[in-house]
Amino acid sequence: MNLGLRTVIFAKKVNINNVPVYHCPVCGRNDVFPGVKEDVGKLVGQLGARPAPGSIPFDQVHEWAGVLSQALHDSESLQAAAIAKAAEARIDQLLDLLLIASSLEDEVWMDEIHTRLSQLSARNVP
């Protein structure tokens, strides 16, 4: 199965763009990447049963999807080396922000950064 970024449509009204999805070119099966499946479910739950029509850029609300989007932008394919490079750069950025948040003693910002770092944990490595 090939890893790519796809649009997931919820309730025929909401496009969730740039969701990491495994696709099988032989059988046509699509599976949301396990490392983000729970977070996509939470997002869908927040939308409710009758969401307003619209579009959500998942790569802007989930760190792993953002890393994959950046890797795809940089190398035009989701190769392990490009993913690792994009992940390392994003982790470095988040750690720099954590230092700033810590120096400002901003607990809310620090919690947000910890959440973002947890989204880049090893469970997401394809």
C-alpha atoms as a PDB file:
ATOM      1  CA  MET A   1       0.000   0.000   0.000  1.00  0.00           C
ATOM      2  CA  ASN A   2       1.196   3.491  -0.855  1.00  0.00           C
ATOM      3  CA  LEU A   3       1.069   6.386   1.588  1.00  0.00           C
ATOM      4  CA  GLY A   4      -0.349   9.627   0.267  1.00  0.00           C
ATOM      5  CA  LEU A   5      -2.374  12.666   1.244  1.00  0.00           C
ATOM      6  CA  ARG A   6      -6.025  12.584   0.293  1.00  0.00           C
ATOM      7  CA  THR A   7      -9.266  14.386   0.924  1.00  0.00           C
ATOM      8  CA  VAL A   8     -11.705  12.708   3.303  1.00  0.00           C
ATOM      9  CA  ILE A   9     -15.305  13.817   2.870  1.00  0.00           C
ATOM     10  CA  PHE A  10     -17.525  13.887   5.944  1.00  0.00           C
ATOM     11  CA  ALA A  11     -21.340  13.999   5.740  1.00  0.00           C
ATOM     12  CA  LYS A  12     -21.105  14.976   2.048  1.00  0.00           C
ATOM     13  CA  LYS A  13     -20.452  18.543   3.230  1.00  0.00           C
ATOM     14  CA  VAL A  14     -16.996  18.852   4.742  1.00  0.00           C
ATOM     15  CA  ASN A  15     -13.737  18.193   2.894  1.00  0.00           C
ATOM     16  CA  ILE A  16     -10.893  17.297   5.227  1.00  0.00           C
ATOM     17  CA  ASN A  17      -7.861  17.882   3.006  1.00  0.00           C
ATOM     18  CA  ASN A  18      -4.368  16.381   3.248  1.00  0.00           C
ATOM     19  CA  VAL A  19      -5.245  13.400   5.420  1.00  0.00           C
ATOM     20  CA  PRO A  20      -2.524  10.713   5.401  1.00  0.00           C
ATOM     21  CA  VAL A  21      -4.078   7.666   3.734  1.00  0.00           C
ATOM     22  CA  TYR A  22      -2.744   4.292   2.620  1.00  0.00           C
ATOM     23  CA  HIS A  23      -3.979   3.398  -0.856  1.00  0.00           C
ATOM     24  CA  CYS A  24      -3.768   0.014  -2.557  1.00  0.00           C
ATOM     25  CA  PRO A  25      -3.424   0.455  -6.326  1.00  0.00           C
ATOM     26  CA  VAL A  26      -4.430  -3.173  -6.912  1.00  0.00           C
ATOM     27  CA  CYS A  27      -7.736  -3.373  -5.010  1.00  0.00           C
ATOM     28  CA  GLY A  28      -8.450   0.356  -4.639  1.00  0.00           C
ATOM     29  CA  ARG A  29      -8.739   0.157  -0.853  1.00  0.00           C
ATOM     30  CA  ASN A  30      -8.053   3.309   1.174  1.00  0.00           C
ATOM     31  CA  ASP A  31      -7.220   3.311   4.892  1.00  0.00           C
ATOM     32  CA  VAL A  32      -6.578   6.368   7.009  1.00  0.00           C
ATOM     33  CA  PHE A  33      -3.031   6.180   8.368  1.00  0.00           C
ATOM     34  CA  PRO A  34      -3.226   4.578  11.859  1.00  0.00           C
ATOM     35  CA  GLY A  35      -1.178   7.349  13.484  1.00  0.00           C
ATOM     36  CA  VAL A  36      -3.826   9.976  12.667  1.00  0.00           C
ATOM     37  CA  LYS A  37      -7.015   7.899  12.590  1.00  0.00           C
ATOM     38  CA  GLU A  38      -7.988   8.751  16.167  1.00  0.00           C
ATOM     39  CA  ASP A  39      -7.397  12.468  15.583  1.00  0.00           C
ATOM     40  CA  VAL A  40      -9.472  12.444  12.383  1.00  0.00           C
ATOM     41  CA  GLY A  41     -12.231  10.784  14.418  1.00  0.00           C
ATOM     42  CA  LYS A  42     -12.010  13.490  17.088  1.00  0.00           C
ATOM     43  CA  LEU A  43     -12.199  16.182  14.411  1.00  0.00           C
ATOM     44  CA  VAL A  44     -15.264  14.552  12.869  1.00  0.00           C
ATOM     45  CA  GLY A  45     -16.824  14.325  16.342  1.00  0.00           C
ATOM     46  CA  GLN A  46     -16.254  18.049  16.866  1.00  0.00           C
ATOM     47  CA  LEU A  47     -18.045  18.781  13.594  1.00  0.00           C
ATOM     48  CA  GLY A  48     -21.227  17.159  14.881  1.00  0.00           C
ATOM     49  CA  ALA A  49     -24.025  15.394  13.057  1.00  0.00           C
ATOM     50  CA  ARG A  50     -24.962  18.404  10.922  1.00  0.00           C
ATOM     51  CA  PRO A  51     -21.767  20.212   9.997  1.00  0.00           C
ATOM     52  CA  ALA A  52     -21.713  23.385   7.977  1.00  0.00           C
ATOM     53  CA  PRO A  53     -20.279  22.903   4.500  1.00  0.00           C
ATOM     54  CA  GLY A  54     -16.613  23.721   4.271  1.00  0.00           C
ATOM     55  CA  SER A  55     -13.062  22.567   4.025  1.00  0.00           C
ATOM     56  CA  ILE A  56     -10.501  21.792   6.718  1.00  0.00           C
ATOM     57  CA  PRO A  57      -6.746  21.626   5.972  1.00  0.00           C
ATOM     58  CA  PHE A  58      -5.804  18.668   8.188  1.00  0.00           C
ATOM     59  CA  ASP A  59      -2.103  19.349   7.632  1.00  0.00           C
ATOM     60  CA  GLN A  60      -2.576  22.637   9.492  1.00  0.00           C
ATOM     61  CA  VAL A  61      -4.267  21.064  12.516  1.00  0.00           C
ATOM     62  CA  HIS A  62      -2.197  17.886  12.871  1.00  0.00           C
ATOM     63  CA  GLU A  63       1.594  17.866  13.055  1.00  0.00           C
ATOM     64  CA  TRP A  64       2.155  14.499  11.357  1.00  0.00           C
ATOM     65  CA  ALA A  65      -0.030  15.458   8.408  1.00  0.00           C
ATOM     66  CA  GLY A  66       1.900  18.740   8.245  1.00  0.00           C
ATOM     67  CA  VAL A  67       5.219  16.903   8.155  1.00  0.00           C
ATOM     68  CA  LEU A  68       3.992  14.639   5.352  1.00  0.00           C
ATOM     69  CA  SER A  69       2.668  17.641   3.446  1.00  0.00           C
ATOM     70  CA  GLN A  70       6.034  19.384   3.788  1.00  0.00           C
ATOM     71  CA  ALA A  71       7.910  16.236   2.723  1.00  0.00           C
ATOM     72  CA  LEU A  72       5.657  15.914  -0.323  1.00  0.00           C
ATOM     73  CA  HIS A  73       6.204  19.564  -1.161  1.00  0.00           C
ATOM     74  CA  ASP A  74       9.992  19.239  -0.827  1.00  0.00           C
ATOM     75  CA  SER A  75      10.489  15.987  -2.739  1.00  0.00           C
ATOM     76  CA  GLU A  76       7.270  15.427  -4.739  1.00  0.00           C
ATOM     77  CA  SER A  77       6.945  11.932  -3.233  1.00  0.00           C
ATOM     78  CA  LEU A  78       6.650  10.511   0.252  1.00  0.00           C
ATOM     79  CA  GLN A  79      10.044   8.870   0.561  1.00  0.00           C
ATOM     80  CA  ALA A  80      11.420   7.886   3.969  1.00  0.00           C
ATOM     81  CA  ALA A  81      14.376  10.284   3.733  1.00  0.00           C
ATOM     82  CA  ALA A  82      12.163  13.270   2.897  1.00  0.00           C
ATOM     83  CA  ILE A  83       9.753  12.397   5.712  1.00  0.00           C
ATOM     84  CA  ALA A  84      12.604  12.049   8.211  1.00  0.00           C
ATOM     85  CA  LYS A  85      14.097  15.391   7.150  1.00  0.00           C
ATOM     86  CA  ALA A  86      10.747  17.207   7.412  1.00  0.00           C
ATOM     87  CA  ALA A  87      10.017  15.589  10.791  1.00  0.00           C
ATOM     88  CA  GLU A  88      13.412  16.558  12.174  1.00  0.00           C
ATOM     89  CA  ALA A  89      12.987  20.161  11.027  1.00  0.00           C
ATOM     90  CA  ARG A  90       9.525  20.435  12.566  1.00  0.00           C
ATOM     91  CA  ILE A  91      10.633  18.872  15.863  1.00  0.00           C
ATOM     92  CA  ASP A  92      13.507  21.366  16.007  1.00  0.00           C
ATOM     93  CA  GLN A  93      11.056  24.226  15.435  1.00  0.00           C
ATOM     94  CA  LEU A  94       8.706  22.974  18.134  1.00  0.00           C
ATOM     95  CA  LEU A  95      11.555  22.521  20.615  1.00  0.00           C
ATOM     96  CA  ASP A  96      12.692  26.096  19.950  1.00  0.00           C
ATOM     97  CA  LEU A  97       9.140  27.280  20.599  1.00  0.00           C
ATOM     98  CA  LEU A  98       9.026  25.195  23.778  1.00  0.00           C
ATOM     99  CA  LEU A  99      12.121  26.979  25.051  1.00  0.00           C
ATOM    100  CA  ILE A 100      10.486  30.338  24.406  1.00  0.00           C
ATOM    101  CA  ALA A 101       7.203  29.276  26.041  1.00  0.00           C
ATOM    102  CA  SER A 102       9.132  27.932  29.012  1.00  0.00           C
ATOM    103  CA  SER A 103      11.128  31.141  29.417  1.00  0.00           C
ATOM    104  CA  LEU A 104       7.832  33.057  29.399  1.00  0.00           C
ATOM    105  CA  GLU A 105       6.338  30.522  31.844  1.00  0.00           C
ATOM    106  CA  ASP A 106       3.338  30.197  29.528  1.00  0.00           C
ATOM    107  CA  GLU A 107       1.795  26.888  30.646  1.00  0.00           C
ATOM    108  CA  VAL A 108      -0.991  26.928  28.046  1.00  0.00           C
ATOM    109  CA  TRP A 109       1.458  27.408  25.178  1.00  0.00           C
ATOM    110  CA  MET A 110       3.775  24.746  26.617  1.00  0.00           C
ATOM    111  CA  ASP A 111       0.874  22.265  26.812  1.00  0.00           C
ATOM    112  CA  GLU A 112      -0.049  23.006  23.195  1.00  0.00           C
ATOM    113  CA  ILE A 113       3.538  22.412  22.065  1.00  0.00           C
ATOM    114  CA  HIS A 114       3.713  19.154  24.044  1.00  0.00           C
ATOM    115  CA  THR A 115       0.521  18.023  22.303  1.00  0.00           C
ATOM    116  CA  ARG A 116       2.026  18.869  18.915  1.00  0.00           C
ATOM    117  CA  LEU A 117       5.232  17.002  19.774  1.00  0.00           C
ATOM    118  CA  SER A 118       3.223  13.964  20.851  1.00  0.00           C
ATOM    119  CA  GLN A 119       1.596  13.935  17.400  1.00  0.00           C
ATOM    120  CA  LEU A 120       5.088  13.378  15.968  1.00  0.00           C
ATOM    121  CA  SER A 121       5.806  10.403  18.207  1.00  0.00           C
ATOM    122  CA  ALA A 122       7.290   7.139  16.893  1.00  0.00           C
ATOM    123  CA  ARG A 123       3.814   5.610  16.439  1.00  0.00           C
ATOM    124  CA  ASN A 124       3.512   7.676  13.305  1.00  0.00           C
ATOM    125  CA  VAL A 125       6.549   6.370  11.482  1.00  0.00           C
ATOM    126  CA  PRO A 126       5.340   4.600   8.308  1.00  0.00           C
END
